[in-house]
PDB file of N, CA and C in Angstrom:
ATOM      1  N   UNK A   1      -9.531  -0.128  29.615  1.00  0.00           N
ATOM      2  CA  UNK A   1     -10.405  -0.508  28.008  1.00  0.00           C
ATOM      3  C   UNK A   1      -9.584   0.051  27.185  1.00  0.00           C
ATOM      4  N   UNK A   2      -8.929   1.366  27.676  1.00  0.00           N
ATOM      5  CA  UNK A   2      -8.050   2.440  26.413  1.00  0.00           C
ATOM      6  C   UNK A   2      -7.019   1.424  25.807  1.00  0.00           C
ATOM      7  N   UNK A   3      -6.359   0.588  26.642  1.00  0.00           N
ATOM      8  CA  UNK A   3      -5.283  -0.615  26.230  1.00  0.00           C
ATOM      9  C   UNK A   3      -5.846  -1.360  25.105  1.00  0.00           C
ATOM     10  N   UNK A   4      -7.258  -1.819  25.034  1.00  0.00           N
ATOM     11  CA  UNK A   4      -7.919  -2.794  24.072  1.00  0.00           C
ATOM     12  C   UNK A   4      -8.238  -1.927  23.008  1.00  0.00           C
ATOM     13  N   UNK A   5      -8.294  -0.547  22.654  1.00  0.00           N
ATOM     14  CA  UNK A   5      -8.551  -0.273  21.363  1.00  0.00           C
ATOM     15  C   UNK A   5      -7.823  -0.342  20.228  1.00  0.00           C
ATOM     16  N   UNK A   6      -6.197  -0.268  20.203  1.00  0.00           N
ATOM     17  CA  UNK A   6      -5.606  -0.592  19.141  1.00  0.00           C
ATOM     18  C   UNK A   6      -5.546  -2.174  18.765  1.00  0.00           C
ATOM     19  N   UNK A   7      -5.581  -3.006  19.714  1.00  0.00           N
ATOM     20  CA  UNK A   7      -5.820  -4.463  19.463  1.00  0.00           C
ATOM     21  C   UNK A   7      -6.905  -4.795  18.701  1.00  0.00           C
ATOM     22  N   UNK A   8      -8.395  -4.033  19.110  1.00  0.00           N
ATOM     23  CA  UNK A   8      -9.731  -4.516  18.563  1.00  0.00           C
ATOM     24  C   UNK A   8      -9.732  -4.062  17.097  1.00  0.00           C
ATOM     25  N   UNK A   9      -8.889  -2.951  16.806  1.00  0.00           N
ATOM     26  CA  UNK A   9      -8.854  -2.396  15.282  1.00  0.00           C
ATOM     27  C   UNK A   9      -7.979  -3.508  14.580  1.00  0.00           C
ATOM     28  N   UNK A  10      -6.851  -3.656  14.868  1.00  0.00           N
ATOM     29  CA  UNK A  10      -5.954  -4.638  14.765  1.00  0.00           C
ATOM     30  C   UNK A  10      -6.636  -6.025  14.130  1.00  0.00           C
ATOM     31  N   UNK A  11      -7.503  -6.367  15.005  1.00  0.00           N
ATOM     32  CA  UNK A  11      -8.130  -7.689  15.013  1.00  0.00           C
ATOM     33  C   UNK A  11      -9.504  -7.511  13.779  1.00  0.00           C
ATOM     34  N   UNK A  12     -10.218  -6.312  13.737  1.00  0.00           N
ATOM     35  CA  UNK A  12     -10.944  -6.136  12.780  1.00  0.00           C
ATOM     36  C   UNK A  12     -10.283  -6.265  11.625  1.00  0.00           C
ATOM     37  N   UNK A  13      -9.051  -5.232  11.350  1.00  0.00           N
ATOM     38  CA  UNK A  13      -8.102  -5.465  10.259  1.00  0.00           C
ATOM     39  C   UNK A  13      -8.137  -6.691   9.732  1.00  0.00           C
ATOM     40  N   UNK A  14      -7.712  -7.779  10.572  1.00  0.00           N
ATOM     41  CA  UNK A  14      -7.157  -8.793  10.375  1.00  0.00           C
ATOM     42  C   UNK A  14      -8.140  -9.806   9.935  1.00  0.00           C
ATOM     43  N   UNK A  15      -9.561  -9.508  10.666  1.00  0.00           N
ATOM     44  CA  UNK A  15     -10.736 -10.583   9.928  1.00  0.00           C
ATOM     45  C   UNK A  15     -11.323 -10.091   8.974  1.00  0.00           C
ATOM     46  N   UNK A  16     -11.470  -8.915   8.446  1.00  0.00           N
ATOM     47  CA  UNK A  16     -11.743  -8.200   7.088  1.00  0.00           C
ATOM     48  C   UNK A  16     -10.770  -8.598   6.074  1.00  0.00           C
ATOM     49  N   UNK A  17      -9.365  -9.007   6.169  1.00  0.00           N
ATOM     50  CA  UNK A  17      -8.581  -9.197   5.327  1.00  0.00           C
ATOM     51  C   UNK A  17      -8.561 -10.558   4.800  1.00  0.00           C
ATOM     52  N   UNK A  18      -9.215 -11.463   5.802  1.00  0.00           N
ATOM     53  CA  UNK A  18      -9.194 -12.888   6.222  1.00  0.00           C
ATOM     54  C   UNK A  18     -10.486 -13.027   5.346  1.00  0.00           C
ATOM     55  N   UNK A  19     -11.567 -12.350   5.305  1.00  0.00           N
ATOM     56  CA  UNK A  19     -12.643 -12.595   4.669  1.00  0.00           C
ATOM     57  C   UNK A  19     -12.850 -12.294   3.260  1.00  0.00           C
ATOM     58  N   UNK A  20     -11.769 -11.366   2.629  1.00  0.00           N
ATOM     59  CA  UNK A  20     -11.687 -10.952   1.510  1.00  0.00           C
ATOM     60  C   UNK A  20     -10.816 -12.343   0.855  1.00  0.00           C
ATOM     61  N   UNK A  21     -10.026 -13.054   1.672  1.00  0.00           N
ATOM     62  CA  UNK A  21      -9.267 -14.539   1.116  1.00  0.00           C
ATOM     63  C   UNK A  21     -10.241 -15.407   0.508  1.00  0.00           C
ATOM     64  N   UNK A  22     -11.540 -15.574   0.828  1.00  0.00           N
ATOM     65  CA  UNK A  22     -11.984 -16.364   0.341  1.00  0.00           C
ATOM     66  C   UNK A  22     -12.377 -16.582  -1.011  1.00  0.00           C
ATOM     67  N   UNK A  23     -11.730 -15.740  -1.891  1.00  0.00           N
ATOM     68  CA  UNK A  23     -11.643 -16.264  -3.256  1.00  0.00           C
ATOM     69  C   UNK A  23     -10.292 -16.445  -3.453  1.00  0.00           C
ATOM     70  N   UNK A  24      -9.261 -16.433  -2.404  1.00  0.00           N
ATOM     71  CA  UNK A  24      -7.850 -17.121  -2.748  1.00  0.00           C
ATOM     72  C   UNK A  24      -7.057 -16.094  -2.443  1.00  0.00           C
ATOM     73  N   UNK A  25      -5.661 -16.681  -2.554  1.00  0.00           N
ATOM     74  CA  UNK A  25      -4.561 -15.523  -2.181  1.00  0.00           C
ATOM     75  C   UNK A  25      -3.366 -15.916  -3.315  1.00  0.00           C
ATOM     76  N   UNK A  26      -2.804 -14.699  -3.371  1.00  0.00           N
ATOM     77  CA  UNK A  26      -1.770 -14.215  -4.211  1.00  0.00           C
ATOM     78  C   UNK A  26      -0.697 -14.607  -3.427  1.00  0.00           C
ATOM     79  N   UNK A  27       0.374 -15.328  -3.507  1.00  0.00           N
ATOM     80  CA  UNK A  27       1.711 -15.084  -2.654  1.00  0.00           C
ATOM     81  C   UNK A  27       2.755 -14.520  -3.455  1.00  0.00           C
ATOM     82  N   UNK A  28       3.488 -13.469  -2.918  1.00  0.00           N
ATOM     83  CA  UNK A  28       4.373 -12.742  -3.317  1.00  0.00           C
ATOM     84  C   UNK A  28       5.563 -12.911  -2.436  1.00  0.00           C
ATOM     85  N   UNK A  29       7.150 -12.765  -2.845  1.00  0.00           N
ATOM     86  CA  UNK A  29       8.068 -12.581  -2.003  1.00  0.00           C
ATOM     87  C   UNK A  29       8.746 -11.239  -2.304  1.00  0.00           C
ATOM     88  N   UNK A  30       8.699 -10.678  -1.229  1.00  0.00           N
ATOM     89  CA  UNK A  30       9.357  -9.095  -0.961  1.00  0.00           C
ATOM     90  C   UNK A  30      10.983  -9.240  -1.164  1.00  0.00           C
ATOM     91  N   UNK A  31      11.295  -8.313  -1.208  1.00  0.00           N
ATOM     92  CA  UNK A  31      12.846  -8.099  -1.613  1.00  0.00           C
ATOM     93  C   UNK A  31      13.556  -8.679  -0.454  1.00  0.00           C
ATOM     94  N   UNK A  32      13.087  -8.544   0.762  1.00  0.00           N
ATOM     95  CA  UNK A  32      13.766  -9.301   1.895  1.00  0.00           C
ATOM     96  C   UNK A  32      13.534 -10.666   2.142  1.00  0.00           C
ATOM     97  N   UNK A  33      12.814 -11.324   1.326  1.00  0.00           N
ATOM     98  CA  UNK A  33      12.421 -12.782   1.261  1.00  0.00           C
ATOM     99  C   UNK A  33      11.277 -13.194   1.943  1.00  0.00           C
ATOM    100  N   UNK A  34      10.694 -12.093   2.425  1.00  0.00           N
ATOM    101  CA  UNK A  34       9.428 -12.501   3.145  1.00  0.00           C
ATOM    102  C   UNK A  34       8.133 -12.770   2.551  1.00  0.00           C
ATOM    103  N   UNK A  35       7.495 -13.905   2.399  1.00  0.00           N
ATOM    104  CA  UNK A  35       6.434 -14.513   1.885  1.00  0.00           C
ATOM    105  C   UNK A  35       4.857 -13.489   2.390  1.00  0.00           C
ATOM    106  N   UNK A  36       4.486 -12.952   1.382  1.00  0.00           N
ATOM    107  CA  UNK A  36       3.274 -12.165   1.790  1.00  0.00           C
ATOM    108  C   UNK A  36       1.886 -12.715   0.867  1.00  0.00           C
ATOM    109  N   UNK A  37       1.051 -13.138   1.910  1.00  0.00           N
ATOM    110  CA  UNK A  37      -0.319 -13.645   1.307  1.00  0.00           C
ATOM    111  C   UNK A  37      -1.154 -12.599   1.084  1.00  0.00           C
ATOM    112  N   UNK A  38      -1.791 -12.028  -0.133  1.00  0.00           N
ATOM    113  CA  UNK A  38      -2.683 -10.655  -0.457  1.00  0.00           C
ATOM    114  C   UNK A  38      -4.081 -11.547  -0.810  1.00  0.00           C
ATOM    115  N   UNK A  39      -5.044 -11.215  -0.786  1.00  0.00           N
ATOM    116  CA  UNK A  39      -6.460 -11.331  -1.136  1.00  0.00           C
ATOM    117  C   UNK A  39      -6.383 -11.358  -2.772  1.00  0.00           C
ATOM    118  N   UNK A  40      -6.923 -12.290  -3.430  1.00  0.00           N
ATOM    119  CA  UNK A  40      -7.042 -12.323  -5.059  1.00  0.00           C
ATOM    120  C   UNK A  40      -7.933 -11.507  -5.126  1.00  0.00           C
ATOM    121  N   UNK A  41      -8.188 -10.562  -5.906  1.00  0.00           N
ATOM    122  CA  UNK A  41      -9.376  -9.870  -6.577  1.00  0.00           C
ATOM    123  C   UNK A  41     -10.183 -10.434  -7.199  1.00  0.00           C
ATOM    124  N   UNK A  42     -11.761 -10.359  -6.869  1.00  0.00           N
ATOM    125  CA  UNK A  42     -12.408 -11.339  -7.662  1.00  0.00           C
ATOM    126  C   UNK A  42     -12.819 -10.390  -8.746  1.00  0.00           C
ATOM    127  N   UNK A  43     -12.529 -10.834  -9.908  1.00  0.00           N
ATOM    128  CA  UNK A  43     -13.093 -10.233 -11.105  1.00  0.00           C
ATOM    129  C   UNK A  43     -13.693 -11.583 -12.164  1.00  0.00           C
ATOM    130  N   UNK A  44     -15.254 -10.860 -12.121  1.00  0.00           N
ATOM    131  CA  UNK A  44     -16.217 -11.912 -12.869  1.00  0.00           C
ATOM    132  C   UNK A  44     -15.758 -11.930 -14.320  1.00  0.00           C
ATOM    133  N   UNK A  45     -15.522 -12.811 -15.102  1.00  0.00           N
ATOM    134  CA  UNK A  45     -15.239 -12.731 -16.578  1.00  0.00           C
ATOM    135  C   UNK A  45     -16.169 -13.553 -17.356  1.00  0.00           C
ATOM    136  N   UNK A  46     -16.537 -13.092 -18.434  1.00  0.00           N
ATOM    137  CA  UNK A  46     -17.389 -13.452 -19.358  1.00  0.00           C
ATOM    138  C   UNK A  46     -17.272 -14.874 -19.798  1.00  0.00           C
ATOM    139  N   UNK A  47     -17.716 -15.924 -19.906  1.00  0.00           N
ATOM    140  CA  UNK A  47     -17.547 -17.444 -20.340  1.00  0.00           C
ATOM    141  C   UNK A  47     -17.323 -17.425 -21.600  1.00  0.00           C
ATOM    142  N   UNK A  48     -16.205 -17.006 -22.281  1.00  0.00           N
ATOM    143  CA  UNK A  48     -16.168 -16.755 -23.604  1.00  0.00           C
ATOM    144  C   UNK A  48     -16.022 -18.331 -24.631  1.00  0.00           C
ATOM    145  N   UNK A  49     -15.125 -19.283 -23.682  1.00  0.00           N
ATOM    146  CA  UNK A  49     -15.040 -20.354 -24.247  1.00  0.00           C
ATOM    147  C   UNK A  49     -16.528 -21.093 -24.226  1.00  0.00           C
ATOM    148  N   UNK A  50     -17.383 -20.872 -23.049  1.00  0.00           N
ATOM    149  CA  UNK A  50     -18.597 -21.561 -23.311  1.00  0.00           C
ATOM    150  C   UNK A  50     -19.394 -21.047 -24.337  1.00  0.00           C
ATOM    151  N   UNK A  51     -19.334 -19.675 -24.448  1.00  0.00           N
ATOM    152  CA  UNK A  51     -20.352 -19.238 -25.551  1.00  0.00           C
ATOM    153  C   UNK A  51     -19.732 -19.804 -27.166  1.00  0.00           C
ATOM    154  N   UNK A  52     -18.740 -19.995 -27.382  1.00  0.00           N
ATOM    155  CA  UNK A  52     -18.085 -20.665 -28.283  1.00  0.00           C
ATOM    156  C   UNK A  52     -18.704 -21.979 -28.551  1.00  0.00           C
ATOM    157  N   UNK A  53     -18.422 -22.748 -27.652  1.00  0.00           N
ATOM    158  CA  UNK A  53     -18.959 -24.144 -27.475  1.00  0.00           C
ATOM    159  C   UNK A  53     -20.410 -23.962 -28.008  1.00  0.00           C
ATOM    160  N   UNK A  54     -21.158 -23.393 -27.157  1.00  0.00           N
ATOM    161  CA  UNK A  54     -22.373 -23.725 -27.208  1.00  0.00           C
ATOM    162  C   UNK A  54     -22.890 -23.198 -28.847  1.00  0.00           C
ATOM    163  N   UNK A  55     -22.335 -22.099 -29.667  1.00  0.00           N
ATOM    164  CA  UNK A  55     -22.474 -21.567 -30.974  1.00  0.00           C
ATOM    165  C   UNK A  55     -22.111 -22.920 -31.793  1.00  0.00           C
ATOM    166  N   UNK A  56     -20.997 -23.219 -31.535  1.00  0.00           N
ATOM    167  CA  UNK A  56     -20.603 -24.487 -32.528  1.00  0.00           C
ATOM    168  C   UNK A  56     -21.252 -25.542 -32.469  1.00  0.00           C
ATOM    169  N   UNK A  57     -21.969 -25.938 -31.418  1.00  0.00           N
ATOM    170  CA  UNK A  57     -22.833 -27.018 -31.433  1.00  0.00           C
ATOM    171  C   UNK A  57     -24.145 -26.568 -31.790  1.00  0.00           C
ATOM    172  N   UNK A  58     -24.995 -25.207 -31.652  1.00  0.00           N
ATOM    173  CA  UNK A  58     -26.009 -24.820 -32.563  1.00  0.00           C
ATOM    174  C   UNK A  58     -26.004 -24.932 -34.040  1.00  0.00           C
ATOM    175  N   UNK A  59     -24.825 -24.481 -34.468  1.00  0.00           N
ATOM    176  CA  UNK A  59     -24.441 -24.487 -35.814  1.00  0.00           C
ATOM    177  C   UNK A  59     -24.351 -26.107 -36.452  1.00  0.00           C
ATOM    178  N   UNK A  60     -23.918 -26.989 -35.380  1.00  0.00           N
ATOM    179  CA  UNK A  60     -23.658 -28.147 -35.600  1.00  0.00           C
ATOM    180  C   UNK A  60     -25.015 -29.007 -35.894  1.00  0.00           C
ATOM    181  N   UNK A  61     -25.814 -28.691 -34.803  1.00  0.00           N
ATOM    182  CA  UNK A  61     -27.274 -29.344 -35.070  1.00  0.00           C
ATOM    183  C   UNK A  61     -28.013 -28.954 -36.325  1.00  0.00           C
ATOM    184  N   UNK A  62     -27.959 -27.320 -36.459  1.00  0.00           N
ATOM    185  CA  UNK A  62     -28.701 -26.800 -37.598  1.00  0.00           C
ATOM    186  C   UNK A  62     -27.980 -27.618 -38.993  1.00  0.00           C
ATOM    187  N   UNK A  63     -26.798 -27.721 -38.966  1.00  0.00           N
ATOM    188  CA  UNK A  63     -25.939 -28.502 -40.415  1.00  0.00           C
ATOM    189  C   UNK A  63     -26.770 -30.140 -40.108  1.00  0.00           C
ATOM    190  N   UNK A  64     -26.833 -30.286 -38.903  1.00  0.00           N
ATOM    191  CA  UNK A  64     -27.442 -32.092 -38.982  1.00  0.00           C
ATOM    192  C   UNK A  64     -28.648 -32.057 -39.471  1.00  0.00           C
ATOM    193  N   UNK A  65     -29.623 -31.251 -39.056  1.00  0.00           N
ATOM    194  CA  UNK A  65     -30.829 -30.991 -39.348  1.00  0.00           C
ATOM    195  C   UNK A  65     -31.067 -31.041 -41.089  1.00  0.00           C
ATOM    196  N   UNK A  66     -30.094 -29.751 -41.813  1.00  0.00           N
ATOM    197  CA  UNK A  66     -30.278 -29.476 -42.934  1.00  0.00           C
ATOM    198  C   UNK A  66     -29.641 -30.942 -43.747  1.00  0.00           C
ATOM    199  N   UNK A  67     -29.031 -31.518 -43.314  1.00  0.00           N
ATOM    200  CA  UNK A  67     -28.339 -32.866 -44.127  1.00  0.00           C
ATOM    201  C   UNK A  67     -29.677 -33.809 -44.055  1.00  0.00           C
ATOM    202  N   UNK A  68     -29.900 -33.950 -42.859  1.00  0.00           N
ATOM    203  CA  UNK A  68     -30.789 -35.170 -42.525  1.00  0.00           C
ATOM    204  C   UNK A  68     -32.244 -34.951 -43.118  1.00  0.00           C
ATOM    205  N   UNK A  69     -32.735 -33.851 -42.956  1.00  0.00           N
ATOM    206  CA  UNK A  69     -34.076 -33.618 -43.794  1.00  0.00           C
ATOM    207  C   UNK A  69     -34.058 -33.038 -45.211  1.00  0.00           C
ATOM    208  N   UNK A  70     -32.848 -32.523 -45.705  1.00  0.00           N
ATOM    209  CA  UNK A  70     -32.631 -32.070 -47.038  1.00  0.00           C
ATOM    210  C   UNK A  70     -33.318 -30.420 -47.123  1.00  0.00           C
ATOM    211  N   UNK A  71     -32.725 -30.156 -48.147  1.00  0.00           N
ATOM    212  CA  UNK A  71     -33.029 -28.535 -48.270  1.00  0.00           C
ATOM    213  C   UNK A  71     -34.370 -28.343 -48.340  1.00  0.00           C
ATOM    214  N   UNK A  72     -35.136 -28.873 -49.313  1.00  0.00           N
ATOM    215  CA  UNK A  72     -36.743 -28.360 -49.549  1.00  0.00           C
ATOM    216  C   UNK A  72     -37.279 -28.578 -48.164  1.00  0.00           C
ATOM    217  N   UNK A  73     -37.519 -29.785 -47.092  1.00  0.00           N
ATOM    218  CA  UNK A  73     -38.178 -29.950 -46.315  1.00  0.00           C
ATOM    219  C   UNK A  73     -37.371 -29.079 -44.925  1.00  0.00           C
ATOM    220  N   UNK A  74     -36.232 -28.834 -45.203  1.00  0.00           N
ATOM    221  CA  UNK A  74     -35.801 -27.774 -43.935  1.00  0.00           C
ATOM    222  C   UNK A  74     -36.662 -26.577 -44.167  1.00  0.00           C
ATOM    223  N   UNK A  75     -36.732 -26.180 -45.363  1.00  0.00           N
ATOM    224  CA  UNK A  75     -36.964 -24.954 -45.732  1.00  0.00           C
ATOM    225  C   UNK A  75     -38.350 -24.615 -45.398  1.00  0.00           C
ATOM    226  N   UNK A  76     -38.920 -25.572 -45.839  1.00  0.00           N
ATOM    227  CA  UNK A  76     -40.174 -25.620 -45.518  1.00  0.00           C
ATOM    228  C   UNK A  76     -40.884 -25.813 -43.960  1.00  0.00           C
ATOM    229  N   UNK A  77     -40.122 -26.323 -43.279  1.00  0.00           N
ATOM    230  CA  UNK A  77     -39.919 -26.047 -41.986  1.00  0.00           C
ATOM    231  C   UNK A  77     -40.030 -24.840 -41.264  1.00  0.00           C
ATOM    232  N   UNK A  78     -38.656 -24.172 -41.698  1.00  0.00           N
ATOM    233  CA  UNK A  78     -38.336 -22.757 -41.249  1.00  0.00           C
ATOM    234  C   UNK A  78     -39.433 -21.754 -41.707  1.00  0.00           C
ATOM    235  N   UNK A  79     -39.911 -22.150 -43.133  1.00  0.00           N
ATOM    236  CA  UNK A  79     -41.216 -21.474 -43.131  1.00  0.00           C
ATOM    237  C   UNK A  79     -42.348 -21.092 -42.486  1.00  0.00           C
ATOM    238  N   UNK A  80     -42.388 -22.529 -42.212  1.00  0.00           N
ATOM    239  CA  UNK A  80     -43.626 -23.005 -41.149  1.00  0.00           C
ATOM    240  C   UNK A  80     -43.668 -22.381 -40.053  1.00  0.00           C
ATOM    241  N   UNK A  81     -42.406 -22.127 -39.501  1.00  0.00           N
ATOM    242  CA  UNK A  81     -41.982 -21.541 -38.183  1.00  0.00           C
ATOM    243  C   UNK A  81     -42.239 -20.127 -38.300  1.00  0.00           C
ATOM    244  N   UNK A  82     -41.987 -19.117 -39.830  1.00  0.00           N
ATOM    245  CA  UNK A  82     -42.070 -17.875 -39.904  1.00  0.00           C
ATOM    246  C   UNK A  82     -43.782 -17.542 -39.804  1.00  0.00           C
ATOM    247  N   UNK A  83     -44.456 -18.578 -39.647  1.00  0.00           N
ATOM    248  CA  UNK A  83     -45.877 -18.108 -39.661  1.00  0.00           C
ATOM    249  C   UNK A  83     -46.621 -17.896 -38.407  1.00  0.00           C
ATOM    250  N   UNK A  84     -45.585 -18.459 -37.344  1.00  0.00           N
ATOM    251  CA  UNK A  84     -46.432 -18.828 -35.938  1.00  0.00           C
ATOM    252  C   UNK A  84     -46.117 -17.528 -35.106  1.00  0.00           C
ATOM    253  N   UNK A  85     -46.157 -17.781 -33.791  1.00  0.00           N
ATOM    254  CA  UNK A  85     -45.871 -16.855 -32.476  1.00  0.00           C
ATOM    255  C   UNK A  85     -44.390 -16.313 -32.915  1.00  0.00           C
ATOM    256  N   UNK A  86     -44.891 -14.962 -32.065  1.00  0.00           N
ATOM    257  CA  UNK A  86     -43.253 -14.435 -31.806  1.00  0.00           C
ATOM    258  C   UNK A  86     -41.946 -15.167 -31.535  1.00  0.00           C
ATOM    259  N   UNK A  87     -42.357 -16.400 -31.087  1.00  0.00           N
ATOM    260  CA  UNK A  87     -41.201 -17.265 -30.256  1.00  0.00           C
ATOM    261  C   UNK A  87     -40.500 -18.085 -31.650  1.00  0.00           C
ATOM    262  N   UNK A  88     -41.867 -18.570 -31.964  1.00  0.00           N
ATOM    263  CA  UNK A  88     -41.563 -19.341 -33.500  1.00  0.00           C
ATOM    264  C   UNK A  88     -40.875 -18.582 -34.447  1.00  0.00           C
ATOM    265  N   UNK A  89     -41.378 -17.651 -34.662  1.00  0.00           N
ATOM    266  CA  UNK A  89     -40.721 -16.406 -35.472  1.00  0.00           C
ATOM    267  C   UNK A  89     -39.142 -16.550 -35.210  1.00  0.00           C
ATOM    268  N   UNK A  90     -38.704 -16.360 -33.813  1.00  0.00           N
ATOM    269  CA  UNK A  90     -37.390 -16.093 -33.616  1.00  0.00           C
ATOM    270  C   UNK A  90     -36.581 -17.129 -33.638  1.00  0.00           C
ATOM    271  N   UNK A  91     -36.959 -18.327 -33.219  1.00  0.00           N
ATOM    272  CA  UNK A  91     -36.823 -19.615 -33.788  1.00  0.00           C
ATOM    273  C   UNK A  91     -36.431 -19.882 -35.294  1.00  0.00           C
ATOM    274  N   UNK A  92     -37.332 -19.472 -36.004  1.00  0.00           N
ATOM    275  CA  UNK A  92     -37.228 -19.434 -37.499  1.00  0.00           C
ATOM    276  C   UNK A  92     -35.911 -18.429 -37.843  1.00  0.00           C
ATOM    277  N   UNK A  93     -36.070 -17.443 -37.463  1.00  0.00           N
ATOM    278  CA  UNK A  93     -34.702 -16.472 -37.673  1.00  0.00           C
ATOM    279  C   UNK A  93     -33.382 -17.075 -37.097  1.00  0.00           C
ATOM    280  N   UNK A  94     -33.444 -18.055 -35.940  1.00  0.00           N
ATOM    281  CA  UNK A  94     -32.094 -18.492 -35.870  1.00  0.00           C
ATOM    282  C   UNK A  94     -31.729 -19.941 -36.355  1.00  0.00           C
ATOM    283  N   UNK A  95     -32.804 -20.515 -37.153  1.00  0.00           N
ATOM    284  CA  UNK A  95     -32.921 -21.766 -37.813  1.00  0.00           C
ATOM    285  C   UNK A  95     -32.515 -21.494 -39.311  1.00  0.00           C
ATOM    286  N   UNK A  96     -32.627 -20.505 -39.474  1.00  0.00           N
ATOM    287  CA  UNK A  96     -32.762 -20.118 -41.072  1.00  0.00           C
ATOM    288  C   UNK A  96     -31.131 -20.535 -41.702  1.00  0.00           C
ATOM    289  N   UNK A  97     -31.171 -20.984 -42.706  1.00  0.00           N
ATOM    290  CA  UNK A  97     -30.019 -21.343 -43.471  1.00  0.00           C
ATOM    291  C   UNK A  97     -28.954 -20.768 -43.604  1.00  0.00           C
ATOM    292  N   UNK A  98     -27.637 -20.830 -43.452  1.00  0.00           N
ATOM    293  CA  UNK A  98     -26.412 -19.897 -43.517  1.00  0.00           C
ATOM    294  C   UNK A  98     -25.582 -20.530 -43.999  1.00  0.00           C
ATOM    295  N   UNK A  99     -24.103 -19.509 -44.681  1.00  0.00           N
ATOM    296  CA  UNK A  99     -23.355 -20.201 -45.232  1.00  0.00           C
ATOM    297  C   UNK A  99     -22.414 -21.220 -44.087  1.00  0.00           C
ATOM    298  N   UNK A 100     -22.616 -21.282 -42.951  1.00  0.00           N
ATOM    299  CA  UNK A 100     -21.899 -22.085 -42.155  1.00  0.00           C
ATOM    300  C   UNK A 100     -22.520 -23.432 -41.865  1.00  0.00           C
ATOM    301  N   UNK A 101     -23.983 -23.377 -41.981  1.00  0.00           N
ATOM    302  CA  UNK A 101     -24.712 -24.264 -41.778  1.00  0.00           C
ATOM    303  C   UNK A 101     -24.713 -25.492 -43.080  1.00  0.00           C
ATOM    304  N   UNK A 102     -24.709 -24.455 -44.173  1.00  0.00           N
ATOM    305  CA  UNK A 102     -24.605 -25.241 -45.489  1.00  0.00           C
ATOM    306  C   UNK A 102     -23.309 -26.224 -45.496  1.00  0.00           C
ATOM    307  N   UNK A 103     -22.272 -25.376 -45.143  1.00  0.00           N
ATOM    308  CA  UNK A 103     -21.016 -26.087 -45.342  1.00  0.00           C
ATOM    309  C   UNK A 103     -20.754 -27.528 -44.266  1.00  0.00           C
ATOM    310  N   UNK A 104     -21.548 -27.037 -42.670  1.00  0.00           N
ATOM    311  CA  UNK A 104     -21.208 -28.356 -41.993  1.00  0.00           C
ATOM    312  C   UNK A 104     -22.422 -29.422 -42.779  1.00  0.00           C
ATOM    313  N   UNK A 105     -23.527 -29.027 -43.359  1.00  0.00           N
ATOM    314  CA  UNK A 105     -24.663 -30.069 -44.010  1.00  0.00           C
ATOM    315  C   UNK A 105     -23.972 -30.694 -44.806  1.00  0.00           C
ATOM    316  N   UNK A 106     -22.894 -30.276 -45.869  1.00  0.00           N
ATOM    317  CA  UNK A 106     -22.346 -30.650 -46.770  1.00  0.00           C
ATOM    318  C   UNK A 106     -20.992 -31.908 -46.489  1.00  0.00           C
ATOM    319  N   UNK A 107     -20.723 -31.389 -45.450  1.00  0.00           N
ATOM    320  CA  UNK A 107     -19.817 -32.343 -44.921  1.00  0.00           C
ATOM    321  C   UNK A 107     -20.507 -33.339 -44.103  1.00  0.00           C
ATOM    322  N   UNK A 108     -21.655 -33.315 -43.391  1.00  0.00           N
ATOM    323  CA  UNK A 108     -22.587 -34.520 -42.686  1.00  0.00           C
ATOM    324  C   UNK A 108     -22.818 -35.108 -43.653  1.00  0.00           C
ATOM    325  N   UNK A 109     -23.380 -34.685 -44.942  1.00  0.00           N
ATOM    326  CA  UNK A 109     -24.064 -35.562 -45.976  1.00  0.00           C
ATOM    327  C   UNK A 109     -23.209 -37.114 -46.172  1.00  0.00           C
ATOM    328  N   UNK A 110     -22.100 -36.582 -46.675  1.00  0.00           N
ATOM    329  CA  UNK A 110     -21.255 -37.736 -46.750  1.00  0.00           C
ATOM    330  C   UNK A 110     -20.813 -38.809 -45.750  1.00  0.00           C
ATOM    331  N   UNK A 111     -20.958 -38.577 -44.419  1.00  0.00           N
ATOM    332  CA  UNK A 111     -21.052 -39.558 -43.439  1.00  0.00           C
ATOM    333  C   UNK A 111     -22.591 -40.119 -43.323  1.00  0.00           C
ATOM    334  N   UNK A 112     -23.405 -39.645 -43.238  1.00  0.00           N
ATOM    335  CA  UNK A 112     -24.968 -39.971 -43.259  1.00  0.00           C
ATOM    336  C   UNK A 112     -25.211 -40.799 -44.050  1.00  0.00           C
ATOM    337  N   UNK A 113     -26.023 -41.746 -43.621  1.00  0.00           N
ATOM    338  CA  UNK A 113     -26.698 -42.986 -44.587  1.00  0.00           C
ATOM    339  C   UNK A 113     -27.714 -42.300 -45.246  1.00  0.00           C
ATOM    340  N   UNK A 114     -27.898 -42.564 -46.521  1.00  0.00           N
ATOM    341  CA  UNK A 114     -29.258 -41.963 -47.467  1.00  0.00           C
ATOM    342  C   UNK A 114     -30.381 -42.740 -47.301  1.00  0.00           C
TER     343      UNK A 114
END
């Protein structure tokens, strides 16, 4: 039984390393030419590109509404939201007209039929 202890330790170490490789491996070549596979470390990253796309689409949507409804109707609808519940007030704060929305709406007014 004593002879199996180093084997069991080595086997557990190999299994742990194999489990870590579920995220993928990074292969490197040592100075002697041996290719070594090491587990890729999992580093969760913030999806910055996704956030930028969502913000862009949000501004595009606001610009479309401003161009389609017109300045007066859009302002009236946002004012109606400001008098509502907390969620509606948050929506009114998000949907308020800003320079980016006005710029996009001006660009869309040339495309949209009147």
